[in-house]
Amino acid sequence: MEHRLFPRRAENFDVILQTRTGCSVDARVLDVSSEGLRLSTNGSTVPSGVVVDVILPENKRNLFGSRYLRGYVAYANRGTIGLWLGDTFN
């Protein structure tokens, strides 16, 4: 069952995820909504419940008006991560 309130738009670009512990993971954005991202991580894992910083490439900063996003890993399954975006995550 779909839980998103906003429609998804297919995308295909690379980002870097950084955890609070300093771990970096290369990822590819698969789709975007106004509240989240679905990412492919090529087998790298970031567990559910973790807050990550997303570093966008320069040519995609206009999507969100910033180079950096903060996201909460809502789910992580075999190389796919769902991020809930927000500024209030600690």
C-alpha atoms as a PDB file:
ATOM      1  CA  MET A   1       0.000   0.000   0.000  1.00  0.00           C
ATOM      2  CA  GLU A   2       1.302   3.435  -0.948  1.00  0.00           C
ATOM      3  CA  HIS A   3       1.770   5.788   2.025  1.00  0.00           C
ATOM      4  CA  ARG A   4       3.081   8.881   0.286  1.00  0.00           C
ATOM      5  CA  LEU A   5       0.824  11.889   0.177  1.00  0.00           C
ATOM      6  CA  PHE A   6       2.600  13.467  -2.781  1.00  0.00           C
ATOM      7  CA  PRO A   7       3.198  12.019  -6.255  1.00  0.00           C
ATOM      8  CA  ARG A   8       6.556  10.498  -7.174  1.00  0.00           C
ATOM      9  CA  ARG A   9       8.624  11.660 -10.124  1.00  0.00           C
ATOM     10  CA  ALA A  10      11.237   9.380 -11.635  1.00  0.00           C
ATOM     11  CA  GLU A  11      14.802  10.688 -11.441  1.00  0.00           C
ATOM     12  CA  ASN A  12      18.248   9.273 -12.102  1.00  0.00           C
ATOM     13  CA  PHE A  13      21.233  11.036 -10.518  1.00  0.00           C
ATOM     14  CA  ASP A  14      23.952  10.310  -7.972  1.00  0.00           C
ATOM     15  CA  VAL A  15      24.104  11.632  -4.408  1.00  0.00           C
ATOM     16  CA  ILE A  16      26.253  10.999  -1.360  1.00  0.00           C
ATOM     17  CA  LEU A  17      24.715  10.012   1.970  1.00  0.00           C
ATOM     18  CA  GLN A  18      26.602  10.887   5.149  1.00  0.00           C
ATOM     19  CA  THR A  19      25.669   9.438   8.515  1.00  0.00           C
ATOM     20  CA  ARG A  20      26.253  11.106  11.865  1.00  0.00           C
ATOM     21  CA  THR A  21      29.080   8.629  12.490  1.00  0.00           C
ATOM     22  CA  GLY A  22      30.948   9.905   9.410  1.00  0.00           C
ATOM     23  CA  CYS A  23      30.155   6.990   7.100  1.00  0.00           C
ATOM     24  CA  SER A  24      29.609   7.957   3.451  1.00  0.00           C
ATOM     25  CA  VAL A  25      27.516   5.914   1.019  1.00  0.00           C
ATOM     26  CA  ASP A  26      27.207   6.536  -2.715  1.00  0.00           C
ATOM     27  CA  ALA A  27      23.604   6.325  -3.875  1.00  0.00           C
ATOM     28  CA  ARG A  28      21.474   6.910  -6.957  1.00  0.00           C
ATOM     29  CA  VAL A  29      18.126   8.706  -6.733  1.00  0.00           C
ATOM     30  CA  LEU A  30      15.358   6.630  -8.319  1.00  0.00           C
ATOM     31  CA  ASP A  31      12.399   8.865  -7.582  1.00  0.00           C
ATOM     32  CA  VAL A  32      11.520  12.083  -5.788  1.00  0.00           C
ATOM     33  CA  SER A  33       8.421  13.422  -4.093  1.00  0.00           C
ATOM     34  CA  SER A  34       8.071  16.649  -2.153  1.00  0.00           C
ATOM     35  CA  GLU A  35       8.527  14.695   1.077  1.00  0.00           C
ATOM     36  CA  GLY A  36      11.038  12.008   0.199  1.00  0.00           C
ATOM     37  CA  LEU A  37      13.497  10.137  -1.980  1.00  0.00           C
ATOM     38  CA  ARG A  38      13.862   6.517  -3.029  1.00  0.00           C
ATOM     39  CA  LEU A  39      17.514   5.576  -3.530  1.00  0.00           C
ATOM     40  CA  SER A  40      19.561   2.668  -4.811  1.00  0.00           C
ATOM     41  CA  THR A  41      22.717   1.991  -2.815  1.00  0.00           C
ATOM     42  CA  ASN A  42      24.259  -0.867  -4.841  1.00  0.00           C
ATOM     43  CA  GLY A  43      24.259  -3.186  -1.860  1.00  0.00           C
ATOM     44  CA  SER A  44      25.577  -0.724   0.735  1.00  0.00           C
ATOM     45  CA  THR A  45      23.439  -0.587   3.822  1.00  0.00           C
ATOM     46  CA  VAL A  46      22.190   2.257   5.945  1.00  0.00           C
ATOM     47  CA  PRO A  47      19.809   0.971   8.620  1.00  0.00           C
ATOM     48  CA  SER A  48      16.247   2.166   9.106  1.00  0.00           C
ATOM     49  CA  GLY A  49      15.858   4.873  11.727  1.00  0.00           C
ATOM     50  CA  VAL A  50      19.128   6.643  10.939  1.00  0.00           C
ATOM     51  CA  VAL A  51      19.314  10.349  10.046  1.00  0.00           C
ATOM     52  CA  VAL A  52      21.532  11.103   7.044  1.00  0.00           C
ATOM     53  CA  ASP A  53      22.686  14.175   5.190  1.00  0.00           C
ATOM     54  CA  VAL A  54      22.183  14.000   1.429  1.00  0.00           C
ATOM     55  CA  ILE A  55      24.720  15.839  -0.726  1.00  0.00           C
ATOM     56  CA  LEU A  56      23.210  16.727  -4.102  1.00  0.00           C
ATOM     57  CA  PRO A  57      25.204  17.295  -7.292  1.00  0.00           C
ATOM     58  CA  GLU A  58      25.425  20.906  -8.398  1.00  0.00           C
ATOM     59  CA  ASN A  59      23.101  20.421 -11.370  1.00  0.00           C
ATOM     60  CA  LYS A  60      20.269  19.114  -9.126  1.00  0.00           C
ATOM     61  CA  ARG A  61      20.344  21.703  -6.342  1.00  0.00           C
ATOM     62  CA  ASN A  62      17.436  23.561  -7.927  1.00  0.00           C
ATOM     63  CA  LEU A  63      15.129  20.606  -7.114  1.00  0.00           C
ATOM     64  CA  PHE A  64      15.259  21.462  -3.407  1.00  0.00           C
ATOM     65  CA  GLY A  65      16.951  24.878  -3.316  1.00  0.00           C
ATOM     66  CA  SER A  66      19.991  23.586  -1.441  1.00  0.00           C
ATOM     67  CA  ARG A  67      23.082  21.446  -1.841  1.00  0.00           C
ATOM     68  CA  TYR A  68      22.324  19.540   1.358  1.00  0.00           C
ATOM     69  CA  LEU A  69      19.187  17.758   2.538  1.00  0.00           C
ATOM     70  CA  ARG A  70      18.523  15.941   5.779  1.00  0.00           C
ATOM     71  CA  GLY A  71      16.592  12.704   5.673  1.00  0.00           C
ATOM     72  CA  TYR A  72      15.325   9.985   7.960  1.00  0.00           C
ATOM     73  CA  VAL A  73      15.772   6.429   6.651  1.00  0.00           C
ATOM     74  CA  ALA A  74      12.171   5.211   6.720  1.00  0.00           C
ATOM     75  CA  TYR A  75      13.054   1.835   5.219  1.00  0.00           C
ATOM     76  CA  ALA A  76      16.083  -0.035   3.925  1.00  0.00           C
ATOM     77  CA  ASN A  77      15.724  -3.180   1.799  1.00  0.00           C
ATOM     78  CA  ARG A  78      18.510  -4.936  -0.147  1.00  0.00           C
ATOM     79  CA  GLY A  79      20.159  -1.890  -1.651  1.00  0.00           C
ATOM     80  CA  THR A  80      17.073   0.361  -1.692  1.00  0.00           C
ATOM     81  CA  ILE A  81      16.495   3.125   0.838  1.00  0.00           C
ATOM     82  CA  GLY A  82      13.452   5.307   1.379  1.00  0.00           C
ATOM     83  CA  LEU A  83      14.171   8.705   2.906  1.00  0.00           C
ATOM     84  CA  TRP A  84      11.660  10.981   4.547  1.00  0.00           C
ATOM     85  CA  LEU A  85      12.974  14.522   4.079  1.00  0.00           C
ATOM     86  CA  GLY A  86      12.834  17.218   6.719  1.00  0.00           C
ATOM     87  CA  ASP A  87      14.814  19.922   8.466  1.00  0.00           C
ATOM     88  CA  THR A  88      13.799  19.001  12.003  1.00  0.00           C
ATOM     89  CA  PHE A  89      15.601  15.658  12.312  1.00  0.00           C
ATOM     90  CA  ASN A  90      18.322  15.737  14.959  1.00  0.00           C
END
